[in-house]
Amino acid sequence: MNAIAAQEIKRRGIAAVDSLVAQGPVRIVKSNRPKYVIMTDADYETMLGDLAEARLTASEADVKAGRVCRGSAAQLIRDIHKGA
């Protein structure tokens, strides 16, 4: 992953990351520490889609393994109040 100092962006503007972000996500370093990541909107949408798919896969695995409880919202609230 490419990196750039926040000061460089402050000095040059967003143009400072244009060529870097074309190669992939860019880590922004502030006070010698990674602080932010800039990526294209397409990369961001792909990441969100991948995350949603991973969550669904994990949920399906939980159902298959029996790690779920079925019931109503009212029952869940009662269980929470009882400390179950």
Protein backbone atom coordinates (compact mmCIF):
# COMPACT_ATOMS: atom_id res chain seq x y z
CA MET A 1 0.00 0.00 0.00
CA ASN A 2 1.30 3.43 -0.90
CA ALA A 3 1.64 6.06 1.80
CA ILE A 4 1.86 9.83 1.84
CA ALA A 5 2.34 12.38 4.59
CA ALA A 6 -0.66 14.50 5.51
CA GLN A 7 1.59 17.57 5.17
CA GLU A 8 2.16 16.70 1.51
CA ILE A 9 -1.59 16.66 0.90
CA LYS A 10 -1.93 19.94 2.76
CA ARG A 11 0.78 21.44 0.56
CA ARG A 12 -0.30 20.01 -2.82
CA GLY A 13 -3.98 19.27 -2.31
CA ILE A 14 -5.80 16.13 -3.35
CA ALA A 15 -3.72 16.02 -6.54
CA ALA A 16 -0.94 14.66 -4.33
CA VAL A 17 -2.77 11.32 -4.11
CA ASP A 18 -4.30 11.10 -7.59
CA SER A 19 -1.50 9.06 -9.16
CA LEU A 20 -1.04 6.94 -6.04
CA VAL A 21 -4.72 6.02 -5.63
CA ALA A 22 -4.75 4.77 -9.23
CA GLN A 23 -2.40 2.01 -8.00
CA GLY A 24 -4.54 1.11 -4.97
CA PRO A 25 -5.46 2.43 -1.52
CA VAL A 26 -3.21 5.14 -0.06
CA ARG A 27 -2.39 5.36 3.62
CA ILE A 28 -2.23 8.92 4.99
CA VAL A 29 0.43 9.37 7.67
CA LYS A 30 -0.03 12.11 10.27
CA SER A 31 2.50 12.70 13.06
CA ASN A 32 4.43 9.62 11.88
CA ARG A 33 1.40 7.37 12.41
CA PRO A 34 -1.03 5.86 9.90
CA LYS A 35 -4.23 7.86 10.30
CA TYR A 36 -6.46 7.54 7.20
CA VAL A 37 -6.84 5.53 4.01
CA ILE A 38 -7.97 6.97 0.69
CA MET A 39 -9.31 4.67 -2.02
CA THR A 40 -11.38 4.95 -5.15
CA ASP A 41 -15.13 4.72 -4.85
CA ALA A 42 -15.06 1.50 -6.88
CA ASP A 43 -12.57 -0.06 -4.45
CA TYR A 44 -14.71 1.09 -1.52
CA GLU A 45 -17.88 -0.41 -3.01
CA THR A 46 -16.03 -3.67 -3.68
CA MET A 47 -14.78 -3.73 -0.10
CA LEU A 48 -18.31 -3.18 1.25
CA GLY A 49 -19.65 -5.96 -0.97
CA ASP A 50 -16.91 -8.34 0.15
CA LEU A 51 -17.62 -7.50 3.79
CA ALA A 52 -21.36 -8.11 3.36
CA GLU A 53 -20.65 -11.45 1.67
CA ALA A 54 -18.26 -12.49 4.47
CA ARG A 55 -20.86 -11.60 7.10
CA LEU A 56 -23.51 -13.62 5.28
CA THR A 57 -21.16 -16.60 4.99
CA ALA A 58 -20.39 -16.41 8.72
CA SER A 59 -24.10 -16.19 9.54
CA GLU A 60 -24.88 -19.20 7.38
CA ALA A 61 -22.12 -21.15 9.14
CA ASP A 62 -23.61 -20.18 12.52
CA VAL A 63 -27.03 -21.46 11.43
CA LYS A 64 -25.57 -24.76 10.15
CA ALA A 65 -23.60 -25.22 13.39
CA GLY A 66 -26.63 -24.50 15.56
CA ARG A 67 -25.16 -21.34 17.08
CA VAL A 68 -28.41 -19.39 16.81
CA CYS A 69 -31.38 -18.85 19.07
CA ARG A 70 -34.80 -18.41 17.59
CA GLY A 71 -37.47 -16.30 19.24
CA SER A 72 -39.29 -13.02 19.19
CA ALA A 73 -37.94 -9.56 19.92
CA ALA A 74 -40.07 -9.52 23.08
CA GLN A 75 -38.43 -12.76 24.27
CA LEU A 76 -34.99 -11.34 23.56
CA ILE A 77 -35.77 -8.24 25.64
CA ARG A 78 -37.05 -10.42 28.50
CA ASP A 79 -33.89 -12.53 28.35
CA ILE A 80 -31.70 -9.42 28.40
CA HIS A 81 -33.52 -8.04 31.44
CA LYS A 82 -33.19 -11.39 33.22
CA GLY A 83 -29.46 -11.42 32.48
CA ALA A 84 -29.67 -14.64 30.48
